[in-house]
Amino acid sequence: MSLTRREASDAVTGLGWRLVLGEVRTRVRVSSFAEGATVAARVAAACGAAADDSLRVDLRPDQVTVSLHAPGARLVTTREVELAAVVTRALGADGWPTHPGPDDPARPVQLLEIAIDALDIAAVRPFWAAVLGYADEVPGGDALADPDRAGPTFWFQRMDAPRPQRNRIHVDVTVPHDEADRRVRAALDAGGRLVSDAEAPAFWVLADVEGNEACVTTWQGRD
């Protein structure tokens, strides 16, 4: 059963996971690649057959990031929540807590998207698919994704009229709902300015001193 964003977030937050961009993510601190490989193997075993279509693991020498999403879609169902609980229990039993929250000494889990404003999405999308070597994120959708899941997703925002005086590509940084305020404040303290918070907490539009824009986004306010 598909869950709303609030339902998914509420279900996994207590497990040490966060909802970002239609998937749930957590992080495990490790001290070596070898330990990380052991963690990754434990996660895969806990997920069982579901690992092949719902699980992604990013392995680094100091951390393992674990992501779960519904097969072939950018959304979370009761199945992924149940898998997150199973993974958390399995790792916790061996002394590996799942902990991606803003009080983690490492940067909290996040995902990056690149947004392109377009008057005619169908006309510009094929160019970006070709030049990036990307493919449909989900069948029938507008967004493009790296087949290796290494680079950021590109999505297309429809414009009603040309905006020649405004940059038409901006970065969306999707963070956990309880990280957003800190991230916005950090950007402002670093010399940025707030363009708009009219849609907060779904997103804040920020800009650098030359007007280049970035959005800090969360799942909130989107259901």
Protein backbone atom coordinates (compact mmCIF):
# COMPACT_ATOMS: atom_id res chain seq x y z
CA MET A 1 0.00 0.00 0.00
CA SER A 2 1.36 3.42 -0.98
CA LEU A 3 1.94 5.86 1.85
CA THR A 4 1.62 9.63 1.94
CA ARG A 5 4.84 11.49 2.56
CA ARG A 6 3.83 12.24 6.13
CA GLU A 7 2.88 8.61 6.78
CA ALA A 8 6.19 7.38 5.38
CA SER A 9 8.23 9.95 7.28
CA ASP A 10 6.45 9.29 10.57
CA ALA A 11 6.87 5.54 10.12
CA VAL A 12 10.65 5.57 9.61
CA THR A 13 11.92 8.56 11.58
CA GLY A 14 11.94 6.62 14.84
CA LEU A 15 13.93 3.87 13.14
CA GLY A 16 16.79 6.22 12.28
CA TRP A 17 15.76 6.73 8.65
CA ARG A 18 14.58 9.82 6.76
CA LEU A 19 12.29 10.31 3.78
CA VAL A 20 13.94 12.18 0.88
CA LEU A 21 12.61 12.38 -2.68
CA GLY A 22 10.34 9.35 -2.59
CA GLU A 23 12.74 7.00 -0.83
CA VAL A 24 13.81 6.31 2.72
CA ARG A 25 17.50 6.58 3.61
CA THR A 26 19.75 5.88 6.54
CA ARG A 27 23.46 5.86 7.24
CA VAL A 28 25.72 3.54 9.22
CA ARG A 29 29.14 4.67 10.43
CA VAL A 30 31.99 2.21 9.79
CA SER A 31 35.76 2.27 10.21
CA SER A 32 36.86 0.55 6.97
CA PHE A 33 35.72 -0.75 3.58
CA ALA A 34 35.87 -4.26 5.01
CA GLU A 35 33.48 -3.36 7.82
CA GLY A 36 31.28 -1.51 5.36
CA ALA A 37 31.13 -4.55 3.10
CA THR A 38 30.01 -6.62 6.07
CA VAL A 39 27.30 -4.08 6.83
CA ALA A 40 26.17 -4.06 3.18
CA ALA A 41 26.00 -7.87 3.15
CA ARG A 42 23.96 -7.84 6.36
CA VAL A 43 21.55 -5.31 4.86
CA ALA A 44 21.12 -7.35 1.68
CA ALA A 45 20.50 -10.51 3.69
CA ALA A 46 17.90 -8.72 5.83
CA CYS A 47 16.07 -7.49 2.72
CA GLY A 48 16.12 -10.92 1.06
CA ALA A 49 14.61 -11.05 -2.43
CA ALA A 50 13.43 -7.44 -2.09
CA ALA A 51 17.07 -6.31 -2.27
CA ASP A 52 17.14 -6.72 -6.04
CA ASP A 53 14.39 -4.21 -6.81
CA SER A 54 14.14 -1.90 -3.78
CA LEU A 55 17.57 -1.60 -2.19
CA ARG A 56 20.55 0.60 -3.02
CA VAL A 57 23.72 0.70 -0.94
CA ASP A 58 26.51 3.28 -1.22
CA LEU A 59 29.69 1.97 0.40
CA ARG A 60 32.48 4.27 1.60
CA PRO A 61 35.40 3.63 3.99
CA ASP A 62 33.70 5.60 6.76
CA GLN A 63 29.99 5.09 6.11
CA VAL A 64 27.35 3.02 4.38
CA THR A 65 24.25 4.78 3.04
CA VAL A 66 21.19 2.58 2.58
CA SER A 67 18.17 3.54 0.45
CA LEU A 68 14.82 1.82 -0.07
CA HIS A 69 12.04 2.71 -2.52
CA ALA A 70 9.14 0.96 -4.22
CA PRO A 71 10.12 -1.07 -7.32
CA GLY A 72 10.01 1.06 -10.49
CA ALA A 73 8.65 4.13 -8.72
CA ARG A 74 9.81 7.06 -6.64
CA LEU A 75 7.54 6.41 -3.67
CA VAL A 76 7.41 4.51 -0.39
CA THR A 77 4.93 1.79 0.55
CA THR A 78 4.34 -0.26 3.68
CA ARG A 79 6.76 -2.80 2.20
CA GLU A 80 9.72 -0.39 2.33
CA VAL A 81 8.82 0.68 5.86
CA GLU A 82 8.78 -2.95 6.95
CA LEU A 83 12.14 -3.53 5.24
CA ALA A 84 13.62 -0.47 6.99
CA ALA A 85 12.50 -1.90 10.34
CA VAL A 86 14.02 -5.29 9.52
CA VAL A 87 17.32 -3.71 8.45
CA THR A 88 17.46 -1.52 11.56
CA ARG A 89 16.89 -4.49 13.85
CA ALA A 90 19.44 -6.65 12.05
CA LEU A 91 22.14 -3.99 12.14
CA GLY A 92 21.36 -2.89 15.68
CA ALA A 93 21.74 -6.44 16.95
CA ASP A 94 25.36 -6.33 15.77
CA GLY A 95 26.13 -2.86 17.09
CA TRP A 96 25.55 -0.79 13.95
CA PRO A 97 22.92 1.88 14.66
CA THR A 98 21.04 3.54 11.80
CA HIS A 99 21.26 7.27 12.32
CA PRO A 100 20.92 9.88 9.56
CA GLY A 101 19.46 12.74 11.56
CA PRO A 102 20.76 16.30 11.84
CA ASP A 103 22.52 15.53 15.12
CA ASP A 104 24.75 13.03 13.31
CA PRO A 105 28.32 14.42 13.25
CA ALA A 106 28.43 13.61 9.53
CA ARG A 107 26.27 15.45 6.98
CA PRO A 108 22.69 14.15 7.10
CA VAL A 109 21.43 12.05 4.21
CA GLN A 110 20.27 14.08 1.23
CA LEU A 111 19.62 13.87 -2.52
CA LEU A 112 20.46 16.34 -5.26
CA GLU A 113 18.26 17.27 -8.25
CA ILE A 114 18.92 19.66 -11.13
CA ALA A 115 15.82 21.55 -12.30
CA ILE A 116 15.60 22.99 -15.82
CA ASP A 117 12.91 25.56 -16.64
CA ALA A 118 11.42 24.92 -20.07
CA LEU A 119 8.59 26.31 -22.18
CA ASP A 120 8.34 23.01 -24.10
CA ILE A 121 9.57 20.09 -22.00
CA ALA A 122 9.06 17.58 -24.81
CA ALA A 123 11.33 19.61 -27.07
CA VAL A 124 14.28 19.98 -24.67
CA ARG A 125 14.12 16.72 -22.76
CA PRO A 126 15.59 14.49 -25.53
CA PHE A 127 18.71 16.70 -25.69
CA TRP A 128 19.35 16.31 -21.97
CA ALA A 129 18.75 12.57 -22.09
CA ALA A 130 21.28 12.26 -24.92
CA VAL A 131 23.99 14.58 -23.60
CA LEU A 132 23.82 13.10 -20.09
CA GLY A 133 23.37 9.48 -21.14
CA TYR A 134 20.36 9.39 -18.83
CA ALA A 135 17.07 7.48 -19.08
CA ASP A 136 13.53 7.82 -17.70
CA GLU A 137 13.56 7.91 -13.92
CA VAL A 138 10.19 6.12 -13.95
CA PRO A 139 8.23 5.00 -17.04
CA GLY A 140 6.11 7.82 -18.44
CA GLY A 141 7.64 10.51 -16.25
CA ASP A 142 9.45 13.71 -17.22
CA ALA A 143 12.45 13.30 -14.90
CA LEU A 144 15.73 11.79 -16.12
CA ALA A 145 17.97 9.63 -13.96
CA ASP A 146 21.50 8.28 -14.16
CA PRO A 147 21.16 4.55 -14.93
CA ASP A 148 24.01 3.91 -12.49
CA ARG A 149 22.32 6.10 -9.85
CA ALA A 150 25.58 7.97 -9.39
CA GLY A 151 24.60 11.44 -10.65
CA PRO A 152 21.71 13.73 -9.67
CA THR A 153 18.27 13.47 -11.21
CA PHE A 154 17.31 16.10 -13.80
CA TRP A 155 13.70 17.27 -13.85
CA PHE A 156 11.86 19.87 -15.93
CA GLN A 157 9.75 22.72 -14.61
CA ARG A 158 7.25 24.12 -17.09
CA MET A 159 7.38 27.89 -17.68
CA ASP A 160 4.37 29.93 -18.77
CA ALA A 161 6.50 32.64 -20.42
CA PRO A 162 10.18 33.20 -21.20
CA ARG A 163 12.32 34.53 -18.35
CA PRO A 164 15.47 35.83 -20.09
CA GLN A 165 16.70 37.73 -17.03
CA ARG A 166 16.63 34.74 -14.71
CA ASN A 167 18.81 31.65 -14.60
CA ARG A 168 16.83 28.69 -15.91
CA ILE A 169 18.77 25.89 -14.27
CA HIS A 170 18.82 25.58 -10.51
CA VAL A 171 19.85 23.00 -7.93
CA ASP A 172 17.34 21.31 -5.62
CA VAL A 173 18.93 19.99 -2.44
CA THR A 174 16.47 17.64 -0.77
CA VAL A 175 17.20 17.18 2.92
CA PRO A 176 15.40 15.52 5.85
CA HIS A 177 12.53 17.62 7.18
CA ASP A 178 14.39 18.25 10.45
CA GLU A 179 17.56 19.41 8.67
CA ALA A 180 15.99 22.11 6.46
CA ASP A 181 16.03 25.05 8.88
CA ARG A 182 19.69 24.48 9.74
CA ARG A 183 20.66 24.18 6.07
CA VAL A 184 18.79 27.36 5.09
CA ARG A 185 20.41 29.27 7.96
CA ALA A 186 23.85 28.00 6.99
CA ALA A 187 23.32 29.19 3.40
CA LEU A 188 22.20 32.63 4.57
CA ASP A 189 25.11 32.90 7.00
CA ALA A 190 27.44 32.06 4.10
CA GLY A 191 26.33 35.17 2.19
CA GLY A 192 23.21 33.86 0.48
CA ARG A 193 19.85 35.59 0.45
CA LEU A 194 16.31 34.34 0.80
CA VAL A 195 14.41 34.80 -2.47
CA SER A 196 11.17 33.24 -1.21
CA ASP A 197 9.84 31.12 1.61
CA ALA A 198 6.25 31.27 0.37
CA GLU A 199 6.20 27.51 -0.22
CA ALA A 200 8.09 26.51 2.94
CA PRO A 201 8.40 23.90 4.34
CA ALA A 202 8.10 22.28 0.88
CA PHE A 203 10.95 24.45 -0.36
CA TRP A 204 12.89 27.65 0.23
CA VAL A 205 14.32 29.53 -2.76
CA LEU A 206 17.80 30.90 -2.02
CA ALA A 207 20.34 32.74 -4.14
CA ASP A 208 24.04 33.55 -4.01
CA VAL A 209 25.33 37.11 -4.21
CA GLU A 210 25.10 37.06 -8.03
CA GLY A 211 21.53 35.75 -8.10
CA ASN A 212 22.16 32.08 -8.95
CA GLU A 213 19.40 30.09 -7.31
CA ALA A 214 19.15 26.91 -5.31
CA CYS A 215 16.22 25.40 -3.44
CA VAL A 216 16.35 23.58 -0.13
CA THR A 217 13.45 21.13 -0.29
CA THR A 218 11.71 18.61 1.97
CA TRP A 219 8.82 16.17 1.69
CA GLN A 220 6.58 18.41 3.80
CA GLY A 221 3.62 20.25 2.31
CA ARG A 222 3.46 18.06 -0.81
CA ASP A 223 0.76 15.47 -0.07
